[in-house]
PDB file of N, CA and C in Angstrom:
ATOM      1  N   MET A   1      19.072 -36.184   0.305  1.00  0.00           N
ATOM      2  CA  MET A   1      19.984 -35.140   0.738  1.00  0.00           C
ATOM      3  C   MET A   1      20.237 -34.173  -0.420  1.00  0.00           C
ATOM      4  N   GLN A   2      20.170 -32.862  -0.111  1.00  0.00           N
ATOM      5  CA  GLN A   2      20.391 -31.868  -1.163  1.00  0.00           C
ATOM      6  C   GLN A   2      21.876 -31.775  -1.492  1.00  0.00           C
ATOM      7  N   SER A   3      22.140 -31.446  -2.735  1.00  0.00           N
ATOM      8  CA  SER A   3      23.534 -31.318  -3.132  1.00  0.00           C
ATOM      9  C   SER A   3      24.139 -30.050  -2.552  1.00  0.00           C
ATOM     10  N   ARG A   4      25.428 -30.018  -2.497  1.00  0.00           N
ATOM     11  CA  ARG A   4      26.147 -28.847  -1.994  1.00  0.00           C
ATOM     12  C   ARG A   4      25.842 -27.631  -2.876  1.00  0.00           C
ATOM     13  N   PHE A   5      25.705 -27.857  -4.181  1.00  0.00           N
ATOM     14  CA  PHE A   5      25.381 -26.776  -5.113  1.00  0.00           C
ATOM     15  C   PHE A   5      24.021 -26.163  -4.777  1.00  0.00           C
ATOM     16  N   THR A   6      23.025 -26.994  -4.536  1.00  0.00           N
ATOM     17  CA  THR A   6      21.675 -26.504  -4.228  1.00  0.00           C
ATOM     18  C   THR A   6      21.686 -25.685  -2.952  1.00  0.00           C
ATOM     19  N   LEU A   7      22.378 -26.130  -1.938  1.00  0.00           N
ATOM     20  CA  LEU A   7      22.443 -25.386  -0.675  1.00  0.00           C
ATOM     21  C   LEU A   7      23.142 -24.046  -0.853  1.00  0.00           C
ATOM     22  N   SER A   8      24.244 -24.021  -1.594  1.00  0.00           N
ATOM     23  CA  SER A   8      24.939 -22.754  -1.799  1.00  0.00           C
ATOM     24  C   SER A   8      24.133 -21.816  -2.689  1.00  0.00           C
ATOM     25  N   TYR A   9      23.348 -22.376  -3.620  1.00  0.00           N
ATOM     26  CA  TYR A   9      22.485 -21.564  -4.473  1.00  0.00           C
ATOM     27  C   TYR A   9      21.477 -20.802  -3.621  1.00  0.00           C
ATOM     28  N   TYR A  10      20.805 -21.485  -2.708  1.00  0.00           N
ATOM     29  CA  TYR A  10      19.802 -20.831  -1.881  1.00  0.00           C
ATOM     30  C   TYR A  10      20.431 -19.845  -0.905  1.00  0.00           C
ATOM     31  N   ALA A  11      21.622 -20.135  -0.417  1.00  0.00           N
ATOM     32  CA  ALA A  11      22.304 -19.205   0.474  1.00  0.00           C
ATOM     33  C   ALA A  11      22.684 -17.934  -0.280  1.00  0.00           C
ATOM     34  N   TYR A  12      23.075 -18.058  -1.538  1.00  0.00           N
ATOM     35  CA  TYR A  12      23.472 -16.903  -2.346  1.00  0.00           C
ATOM     36  C   TYR A  12      22.266 -16.111  -2.834  1.00  0.00           C
ATOM     37  N   MET A  13      21.214 -16.783  -3.216  1.00  0.00           N
ATOM     38  CA  MET A  13      20.075 -16.151  -3.862  1.00  0.00           C
ATOM     39  C   MET A  13      19.149 -15.427  -2.887  1.00  0.00           C
ATOM     40  N   GLY A  14      19.220 -15.679  -1.627  1.00  0.00           N
ATOM     41  CA  GLY A  14      18.345 -14.993  -0.686  1.00  0.00           C
ATOM     42  C   GLY A  14      17.013 -15.698  -0.563  1.00  0.00           C
ATOM     43  N   SER A  15      16.063 -14.994  -0.021  1.00  0.00           N
ATOM     44  CA  SER A  15      14.774 -15.618   0.268  1.00  0.00           C
ATOM     45  C   SER A  15      13.787 -15.432  -0.878  1.00  0.00           C
ATOM     46  N   LEU A  16      12.764 -16.236  -0.833  1.00  0.00           N
ATOM     47  CA  LEU A  16      11.716 -16.216  -1.846  1.00  0.00           C
ATOM     48  C   LEU A  16      10.624 -15.258  -1.404  1.00  0.00           C
ATOM     49  N   LEU A  17      10.111 -14.462  -2.320  1.00  0.00           N
ATOM     50  CA  LEU A  17       9.013 -13.544  -2.053  1.00  0.00           C
ATOM     51  C   LEU A  17       7.925 -13.830  -3.071  1.00  0.00           C
ATOM     52  N   GLN A  18       6.760 -14.145  -2.568  1.00  0.00           N
ATOM     53  CA  GLN A  18       5.636 -14.436  -3.456  1.00  0.00           C
ATOM     54  C   GLN A  18       4.567 -13.387  -3.213  1.00  0.00           C
ATOM     55  N   ILE A  19       4.046 -12.807  -4.283  1.00  0.00           N
ATOM     56  CA  ILE A  19       3.019 -11.776  -4.164  1.00  0.00           C
ATOM     57  C   ILE A  19       1.731 -12.330  -4.742  1.00  0.00           C
ATOM     58  N   ARG A  20       0.723 -12.387  -3.909  1.00  0.00           N
ATOM     59  CA  ARG A  20      -0.575 -12.913  -4.347  1.00  0.00           C
ATOM     60  C   ARG A  20      -1.510 -11.756  -4.662  1.00  0.00           C
ATOM     61  N   GLY A  21      -2.474 -12.031  -5.491  1.00  0.00           N
ATOM     62  CA  GLY A  21      -3.527 -11.055  -5.759  1.00  0.00           C
ATOM     63  C   GLY A  21      -3.110  -9.917  -6.672  1.00  0.00           C
ATOM     64  N   VAL A  22      -2.073 -10.105  -7.472  1.00  0.00           N
ATOM     65  CA  VAL A  22      -1.655  -9.068  -8.417  1.00  0.00           C
ATOM     66  C   VAL A  22      -2.673  -9.047  -9.561  1.00  0.00           C
ATOM     67  N   PRO A  23      -3.288  -7.904  -9.817  1.00  0.00           N
ATOM     68  CA  PRO A  23      -4.250  -7.843 -10.929  1.00  0.00           C
ATOM     69  C   PRO A  23      -3.579  -8.204 -12.257  1.00  0.00           C
ATOM     70  N   GLU A  24      -4.318  -8.860 -13.115  1.00  0.00           N
ATOM     71  CA  GLU A  24      -3.774  -9.317 -14.397  1.00  0.00           C
ATOM     72  C   GLU A  24      -3.225  -8.157 -15.226  1.00  0.00           C
ATOM     73  N   GLU A  25      -3.918  -7.035 -15.214  1.00  0.00           N
ATOM     74  CA  GLU A  25      -3.464  -5.860 -15.973  1.00  0.00           C
ATOM     75  C   GLU A  25      -2.112  -5.372 -15.452  1.00  0.00           C
ATOM     76  N   THR A  26      -1.943  -5.352 -14.134  1.00  0.00           N
ATOM     77  CA  THR A  26      -0.676  -4.934 -13.526  1.00  0.00           C
ATOM     78  C   THR A  26       0.447  -5.886 -13.922  1.00  0.00           C
ATOM     79  N   ARG A  27       0.176  -7.189 -13.859  1.00  0.00           N
ATOM     80  CA  ARG A  27       1.179  -8.183 -14.239  1.00  0.00           C
ATOM     81  C   ARG A  27       1.567  -8.024 -15.699  1.00  0.00           C
ATOM     82  N   ARG A  28       0.577  -7.777 -16.550  1.00  0.00           N
ATOM     83  CA  ARG A  28       0.835  -7.607 -17.984  1.00  0.00           C
ATOM     84  C   ARG A  28       1.715  -6.395 -18.237  1.00  0.00           C
ATOM     85  N   ILE A  29       1.424  -5.283 -17.576  1.00  0.00           N
ATOM     86  CA  ILE A  29       2.222  -4.063 -17.753  1.00  0.00           C
ATOM     87  C   ILE A  29       3.645  -4.273 -17.257  1.00  0.00           C
ATOM     88  N   LEU A  30       3.790  -4.884 -16.099  1.00  0.00           N
ATOM     89  CA  LEU A  30       5.130  -5.148 -15.570  1.00  0.00           C
ATOM     90  C   LEU A  30       5.925  -6.050 -16.505  1.00  0.00           C
ATOM     91  N   LYS A  31       5.274  -7.070 -17.024  1.00  0.00           N
ATOM     92  CA  LYS A  31       5.950  -7.997 -17.932  1.00  0.00           C
ATOM     93  C   LYS A  31       6.370  -7.289 -19.219  1.00  0.00           C
ATOM     94  N   ALA A  32       5.523  -6.409 -19.743  1.00  0.00           N
ATOM     95  CA  ALA A  32       5.859  -5.659 -20.959  1.00  0.00           C
ATOM     96  C   ALA A  32       7.029  -4.707 -20.708  1.00  0.00           C
ATOM     97  N   ARG A  33       7.015  -4.046 -19.558  1.00  0.00           N
ATOM     98  CA  ARG A  33       8.126  -3.138 -19.230  1.00  0.00           C
ATOM     99  C   ARG A  33       9.429  -3.899 -19.063  1.00  0.00           C
ATOM    100  N   ALA A  34       9.348  -5.063 -18.441  1.00  0.00           N
ATOM    101  CA  ALA A  34      10.547  -5.895 -18.281  1.00  0.00           C
ATOM    102  C   ALA A  34      11.082  -6.315 -19.641  1.00  0.00           C
ATOM    103  N   ALA A  35      10.195  -6.740 -20.518  1.00  0.00           N
ATOM    104  CA  ALA A  35      10.606  -7.168 -21.857  1.00  0.00           C
ATOM    105  C   ALA A  35      11.226  -6.022 -22.637  1.00  0.00           C
ATOM    106  N   ALA A  36      10.673  -4.826 -22.488  1.00  0.00           N
ATOM    107  CA  ALA A  36      11.217  -3.661 -23.184  1.00  0.00           C
ATOM    108  C   ALA A  36      12.638  -3.348 -22.734  1.00  0.00           C
ATOM    109  N   ARG A  37      12.966  -3.746 -21.536  1.00  0.00           N
ATOM    110  CA  ARG A  37      14.321  -3.520 -21.011  1.00  0.00           C
ATOM    111  C   ARG A  37      15.203  -4.747 -21.189  1.00  0.00           C
ATOM    112  N   GLY A  38      14.648  -5.788 -21.791  1.00  0.00           N
ATOM    113  CA  GLY A  38      15.418  -7.014 -21.999  1.00  0.00           C
ATOM    114  C   GLY A  38      15.633  -7.789 -20.713  1.00  0.00           C
ATOM    115  N   GLN A  39      14.694  -7.659 -19.776  1.00  0.00           N
ATOM    116  CA  GLN A  39      14.817  -8.332 -18.491  1.00  0.00           C
ATOM    117  C   GLN A  39      13.667  -9.312 -18.307  1.00  0.00           C
ATOM    118  N   SER A  40      13.893 -10.255 -17.408  1.00  0.00           N
ATOM    119  CA  SER A  40      12.796 -11.127 -17.007  1.00  0.00           C
ATOM    120  C   SER A  40      11.896 -10.333 -16.067  1.00  0.00           C
ATOM    121  N   LEU A  41      10.686 -10.811 -15.893  1.00  0.00           N
ATOM    122  CA  LEU A  41       9.769 -10.156 -14.965  1.00  0.00           C
ATOM    123  C   LEU A  41      10.364 -10.156 -13.563  1.00  0.00           C
ATOM    124  N   ASN A  42      10.973 -11.264 -13.172  1.00  0.00           N
ATOM    125  CA  ASN A  42      11.590 -11.374 -11.852  1.00  0.00           C
ATOM    126  C   ASN A  42      12.691 -10.333 -11.675  1.00  0.00           C
ATOM    127  N   ALA A  43      13.581 -10.204 -12.655  1.00  0.00           N
ATOM    128  CA  ALA A  43      14.682  -9.247 -12.556  1.00  0.00           C
ATOM    129  C   ALA A  43      14.164  -7.814 -12.492  1.00  0.00           C
ATOM    130  N   TYR A  44      13.149  -7.527 -13.274  1.00  0.00           N
ATOM    131  CA  TYR A  44      12.580  -6.174 -13.306  1.00  0.00           C
ATOM    132  C   TYR A  44      11.949  -5.808 -11.961  1.00  0.00           C
ATOM    133  N   VAL A  45      11.131  -6.708 -11.426  1.00  0.00           N
ATOM    134  CA  VAL A  45      10.469  -6.441 -10.144  1.00  0.00           C
ATOM    135  C   VAL A  45      11.500  -6.362  -9.020  1.00  0.00           C
ATOM    136  N   LEU A  46      12.509  -7.202  -9.067  1.00  0.00           N
ATOM    137  CA  LEU A  46      13.571  -7.153  -8.064  1.00  0.00           C
ATOM    138  C   LEU A  46      14.294  -5.808  -8.105  1.00  0.00           C
ATOM    139  N   GLU A  47      14.512  -5.279  -9.307  1.00  0.00           N
ATOM    140  CA  GLU A  47      15.130  -3.963  -9.459  1.00  0.00           C
ATOM    141  C   GLU A  47      14.231  -2.866  -8.879  1.00  0.00           C
ATOM    142  N   LEU A  48      12.928  -2.954  -9.143  1.00  0.00           N
ATOM    143  CA  LEU A  48      11.983  -1.979  -8.575  1.00  0.00           C
ATOM    144  C   LEU A  48      12.017  -2.003  -7.050  1.00  0.00           C
ATOM    145  N   ILE A  49      12.016  -3.202  -6.491  1.00  0.00           N
ATOM    146  CA  ILE A  49      12.056  -3.335  -5.035  1.00  0.00           C
ATOM    147  C   ILE A  49      13.369  -2.779  -4.499  1.00  0.00           C
ATOM    148  N   GLY A  50      14.464  -3.084  -5.171  1.00  0.00           N
ATOM    149  CA  GLY A  50      15.772  -2.581  -4.736  1.00  0.00           C
ATOM    150  C   GLY A  50      15.839  -1.061  -4.729  1.00  0.00           C
ATOM    151  N   ARG A  51      15.274  -0.431  -5.759  1.00  0.00           N
ATOM    152  CA  ARG A  51      15.248   1.041  -5.808  1.00  0.00           C
ATOM    153  C   ARG A  51      14.422   1.617  -4.666  1.00  0.00           C
ATOM    154  N   ASP A  52      13.296   0.979  -4.378  1.00  0.00           N
ATOM    155  CA  ASP A  52      12.440   1.478  -3.306  1.00  0.00           C
ATOM    156  C   ASP A  52      13.119   1.345  -1.949  1.00  0.00           C
ATOM    157  N   VAL A  53      13.769   0.229  -1.719  1.00  0.00           N
ATOM    158  CA  VAL A  53      14.446   0.000  -0.442  1.00  0.00           C
ATOM    159  C   VAL A  53      15.648   0.931  -0.288  1.00  0.00           C
ATOM    160  N   ALA A  54      16.285   1.306  -1.376  1.00  0.00           N
ATOM    161  CA  ALA A  54      17.460   2.185  -1.316  1.00  0.00           C
ATOM    162  C   ALA A  54      17.104   3.608  -0.899  1.00  0.00           C
ATOM    163  N   ARG A  55      15.856   4.015  -1.154  1.00  0.00           N
ATOM    164  CA  ARG A  55      15.404   5.361  -0.780  1.00  0.00           C
ATOM    165  C   ARG A  55      14.850   5.330   0.630  1.00  0.00           C
ATOM    166  N   PRO A  56      15.398   6.144   1.529  1.00  0.00           N
ATOM    167  CA  PRO A  56      14.851   6.151   2.889  1.00  0.00           C
ATOM    168  C   PRO A  56      13.466   6.786   2.919  1.00  0.00           C
ATOM    169  N   THR A  57      12.656   6.341   3.860  1.00  0.00           N
ATOM    170  CA  THR A  57      11.342   6.938   4.041  1.00  0.00           C
ATOM    171  C   THR A  57      11.494   8.283   4.740  1.00  0.00           C
ATOM    172  N   VAL A  58      10.447   9.076   4.750  1.00  0.00           N
ATOM    173  CA  VAL A  58      10.480  10.368   5.443  1.00  0.00           C
ATOM    174  C   VAL A  58      10.782  10.144   6.916  1.00  0.00           C
ATOM    175  N   ASP A  59      10.150   9.160   7.534  1.00  0.00           N
ATOM    176  CA  ASP A  59      10.394   8.871   8.946  1.00  0.00           C
ATOM    177  C   ASP A  59      11.856   8.505   9.203  1.00  0.00           C
ATOM    178  N   GLU A  60      12.457   7.730   8.299  1.00  0.00           N
ATOM    179  CA  GLU A  60      13.864   7.352   8.460  1.00  0.00           C
ATOM    180  C   GLU A  60      14.772   8.573   8.345  1.00  0.00           C
ATOM    181  N   VAL A  61      14.482   9.468   7.412  1.00  0.00           N
ATOM    182  CA  VAL A  61      15.279  10.683   7.247  1.00  0.00           C
ATOM    183  C   VAL A  61      15.166  11.565   8.489  1.00  0.00           C
ATOM    184  N   LEU A  62      13.955  11.733   8.987  1.00  0.00           N
ATOM    185  CA  LEU A  62      13.752  12.562  10.176  1.00  0.00           C
ATOM    186  C   LEU A  62      14.439  11.957  11.401  1.00  0.00           C
ATOM    187  N   ALA A  63      14.370  10.648  11.546  1.00  0.00           N
ATOM    188  CA  ALA A  63      15.033   9.985  12.668  1.00  0.00           C
ATOM    189  C   ALA A  63      16.546  10.152  12.581  1.00  0.00           C
ATOM    190  N   ARG A  64      17.104  10.034  11.379  1.00  0.00           N
ATOM    191  CA  ARG A  64      18.546  10.212  11.205  1.00  0.00           C
ATOM    192  C   ARG A  64      18.950  11.642  11.506  1.00  0.00           C
ATOM    193  N   ALA A  65      18.137  12.604  11.070  1.00  0.00           N
ATOM    194  CA  ALA A  65      18.427  14.012  11.347  1.00  0.00           C
ATOM    195  C   ALA A  65      18.360  14.292  12.845  1.00  0.00           C
ATOM    196  N   ALA A  66      17.407  13.694  13.519  1.00  0.00           N
ATOM    197  CA  ALA A  66      17.284  13.893  14.967  1.00  0.00           C
ATOM    198  C   ALA A  66      18.494  13.318  15.700  1.00  0.00           C
ATOM    199  N   ARG A  67      18.999  12.185  15.234  1.00  0.00           N
ATOM    200  CA  ARG A  67      20.193  11.596  15.864  1.00  0.00           C
ATOM    201  C   ARG A  67      21.421  12.466  15.643  1.00  0.00           C
ATOM    202  N   ARG A  68      21.497  13.128  14.493  1.00  0.00           N
ATOM    203  CA  ARG A  68      22.672  13.941  14.152  1.00  0.00           C
ATOM    204  C   ARG A  68      22.636  15.340  14.759  1.00  0.00           C
ATOM    205  N   SER A  69      21.445  15.816  15.055  1.00  0.00           N
ATOM    206  CA  SER A  69      21.337  17.204  15.497  1.00  0.00           C
ATOM    207  C   SER A  69      21.925  17.379  16.887  1.00  0.00           C
ATOM    208  N   GLU A  70      22.472  18.551  17.079  1.00  0.00           N
ATOM    209  CA  GLU A  70      23.003  18.893  18.395  1.00  0.00           C
ATOM    210  C   GLU A  70      21.876  19.509  19.203  1.00  0.00           C
ATOM    211  N   ARG A  71      21.940  19.317  20.468  1.00  0.00           N
ATOM    212  CA  ARG A  71      20.946  19.910  21.343  1.00  0.00           C
ATOM    213  C   ARG A  71      21.356  21.341  21.666  1.00  0.00           C
ATOM    214  N   ALA A  72      20.478  22.278  21.398  1.00  0.00           N
ATOM    215  CA  ALA A  72      20.765  23.689  21.652  1.00  0.00           C
ATOM    216  C   ALA A  72      20.650  23.967  23.147  1.00  0.00           C
ATOM    217  N   ARG A  73      21.490  24.884  23.635  1.00  0.00           N
ATOM    218  CA  ARG A  73      21.440  25.259  25.052  1.00  0.00           C
ATOM    219  C   ARG A  73      20.387  26.329  25.300  1.00  0.00           C
ATOM    220  N   GLU A  74      19.986  27.018  24.240  1.00  0.00           N
ATOM    221  CA  GLU A  74      18.956  28.037  24.378  1.00  0.00           C
ATOM    222  C   GLU A  74      17.965  27.907  23.230  1.00  0.00           C
ATOM    223  N   SER A  75      16.815  28.479  23.399  1.00  0.00           N
ATOM    224  CA  SER A  75      15.802  28.388  22.355  1.00  0.00           C
ATOM    225  C   SER A  75      16.158  29.338  21.215  1.00  0.00           C
ATOM    226  N   ALA A  76      15.553  29.114  20.070  1.00  0.00           N
ATOM    227  CA  ALA A  76      15.776  29.986  18.915  1.00  0.00           C
ATOM    228  C   ALA A  76      15.319  31.404  19.234  1.00  0.00           C
ATOM    229  N   THR A  77      14.248  31.520  19.972  1.00  0.00           N
ATOM    230  CA  THR A  77      13.732  32.845  20.347  1.00  0.00           C
ATOM    231  C   THR A  77      14.760  33.607  21.173  1.00  0.00           C
ATOM    232  N   GLU A  78      15.372  32.926  22.121  1.00  0.00           N
ATOM    233  CA  GLU A  78      16.389  33.571  22.956  1.00  0.00           C
ATOM    234  C   GLU A  78      17.601  33.988  22.128  1.00  0.00           C
ATOM    235  N   ALA A  79      18.006  33.155  21.176  1.00  0.00           N
ATOM    236  CA  ALA A  79      19.149  33.491  20.332  1.00  0.00           C
ATOM    237  C   ALA A  79      18.847  34.696  19.461  1.00  0.00           C
ATOM    238  N   ILE A  80      17.635  34.786  18.918  1.00  0.00           N
ATOM    239  CA  ILE A  80      17.250  35.940  18.086  1.00  0.00           C
ATOM    240  C   ILE A  80      17.218  37.202  18.930  1.00  0.00           C
ATOM    241  N   ARG A  81      16.639  37.107  20.137  1.00  0.00           N
ATOM    242  CA  ARG A  81      16.595  38.267  21.034  1.00  0.00           C
ATOM    243  C   ARG A  81      17.996  38.779  21.353  1.00  0.00           C
ATOM    244  N   ALA A  82      18.902  37.858  21.651  1.00  0.00           N
ATOM    245  CA  ALA A  82      20.276  38.238  21.985  1.00  0.00           C
ATOM    246  C   ALA A  82      20.957  38.884  20.777  1.00  0.00           C
ATOM    247  N   GLY A  83      20.727  38.330  19.592  1.00  0.00           N
ATOM    248  CA  GLY A  83      21.317  38.901  18.379  1.00  0.00           C
ATOM    249  C   GLY A  83      20.785  40.293  18.097  1.00  0.00           C
ATOM    250  N   ARG A  84      19.515  40.503  18.297  1.00  0.00           N
ATOM    251  CA  ARG A  84      18.924  41.827  18.090  1.00  0.00           C
ATOM    252  C   ARG A  84      19.456  42.832  19.110  1.00  0.00           C
ATOM    253  N   ALA A  85      19.605  42.394  20.357  1.00  0.00           N
ATOM    254  CA  ALA A  85      20.130  43.280  21.399  1.00  0.00           C
ATOM    255  C   ALA A  85      21.559  43.699  21.064  1.00  0.00           C
ATOM    256  N   ASP A  86      22.368  42.747  20.587  1.00  0.00           N
ATOM    257  CA  ASP A  86      23.744  43.074  20.189  1.00  0.00           C
ATOM    258  C   ASP A  86      23.751  44.066  19.029  1.00  0.00           C
ATOM    259  N   ARG A  87      22.892  43.831  18.049  1.00  0.00           N
ATOM    260  CA  ARG A  87      22.829  44.714  16.889  1.00  0.00           C
ATOM    261  C   ARG A  87      22.384  46.124  17.301  1.00  0.00           C
ATOM    262  N   GLU A  88      21.375  46.213  18.131  1.00  0.00           N
ATOM    263  CA  GLU A  88      20.913  47.528  18.595  1.00  0.00           C
ATOM    264  C   GLU A  88      21.995  48.248  19.385  1.00  0.00           C
ATOM    265  N   GLN A  89      22.749  47.504  20.173  1.00  0.00           N
ATOM    266  CA  GLN A  89      23.839  48.101  20.937  1.00  0.00           C
ATOM    267  C   GLN A  89      24.918  48.641  19.991  1.00  0.00           C
ATOM    268  N   GLN A  90      25.240  47.871  18.961  1.00  0.00           N
ATOM    269  CA  GLN A  90      26.245  48.314  17.978  1.00  0.00           C
ATOM    270  C   GLN A  90      25.758  49.535  17.212  1.00  0.00           C
ATOM    271  N   LEU A  91      24.487  49.526  16.815  1.00  0.00           N
ATOM    272  CA  LEU A  91      23.927  50.672  16.083  1.00  0.00           C
ATOM    273  C   LEU A  91      23.878  51.911  16.980  1.00  0.00           C
ATOM    274  N   GLY A  92      23.588  51.711  18.254  1.00  0.00           N
ATOM    275  CA  GLY A  92      23.565  52.841  19.196  1.00  0.00           C
ATOM    276  C   GLY A  92      24.945  53.405  19.385  1.00  0.00           C
ATOM    277  N   ALA A  93      25.965  52.564  19.406  1.00  0.00           N
ATOM    278  CA  ALA A  93      27.342  53.029  19.575  1.00  0.00           C
ATOM    279  C   ALA A  93      27.789  53.810  18.344  1.00  0.00           C
ATOM    280  N   VAL A  94      27.355  53.373  17.157  1.00  0.00           N
ATOM    281  CA  VAL A  94      27.719  54.075  15.918  1.00  0.00           C
ATOM    282  C   VAL A  94      27.040  55.433  15.895  1.00  0.00           C
ATOM    283  N   ALA A  95      25.769  55.480  16.306  1.00  0.00           N
ATOM    284  CA  ALA A  95      25.022  56.747  16.278  1.00  0.00           C
ATOM    285  C   ALA A  95      25.601  57.740  17.305  1.00  0.00           C
ATOM    286  N   ASP A  96      26.106  57.226  18.431  1.00  0.00           N
ATOM    287  CA  ASP A  96      26.666  58.110  19.453  1.00  0.00           C
ATOM    288  C   ASP A  96      28.083  58.563  19.085  1.00  0.00           C
ATOM    289  N   GLY A  97      28.759  57.792  18.294  1.00  0.00           N
ATOM    290  CA  GLY A  97      30.159  58.014  18.049  1.00  0.00           C
ATOM    291  C   GLY A  97      30.480  58.887  16.943  1.00  0.00           C
TER     292      GLY A  97
END
């Protein structure tokens, strides 16, 4: 039977992620960068993953914008036409007046 400490450790620490097939050169560079920051390789890679997950993807940004956008009752072309007609009417009134 596992101790209560071991069970709470795994509940707190989250899940295990294992990456296979990492080229030796890549592992060496990551380990050197981690050491330069005074971190373990695990802490450094976890930080990299955290930064990547914190940034939304382009698709996520577009989906969020689509959810927030209001639906227009008229097309942009119709709105521009109406604005131009109003402006021409105002300019015509100034020229006549």
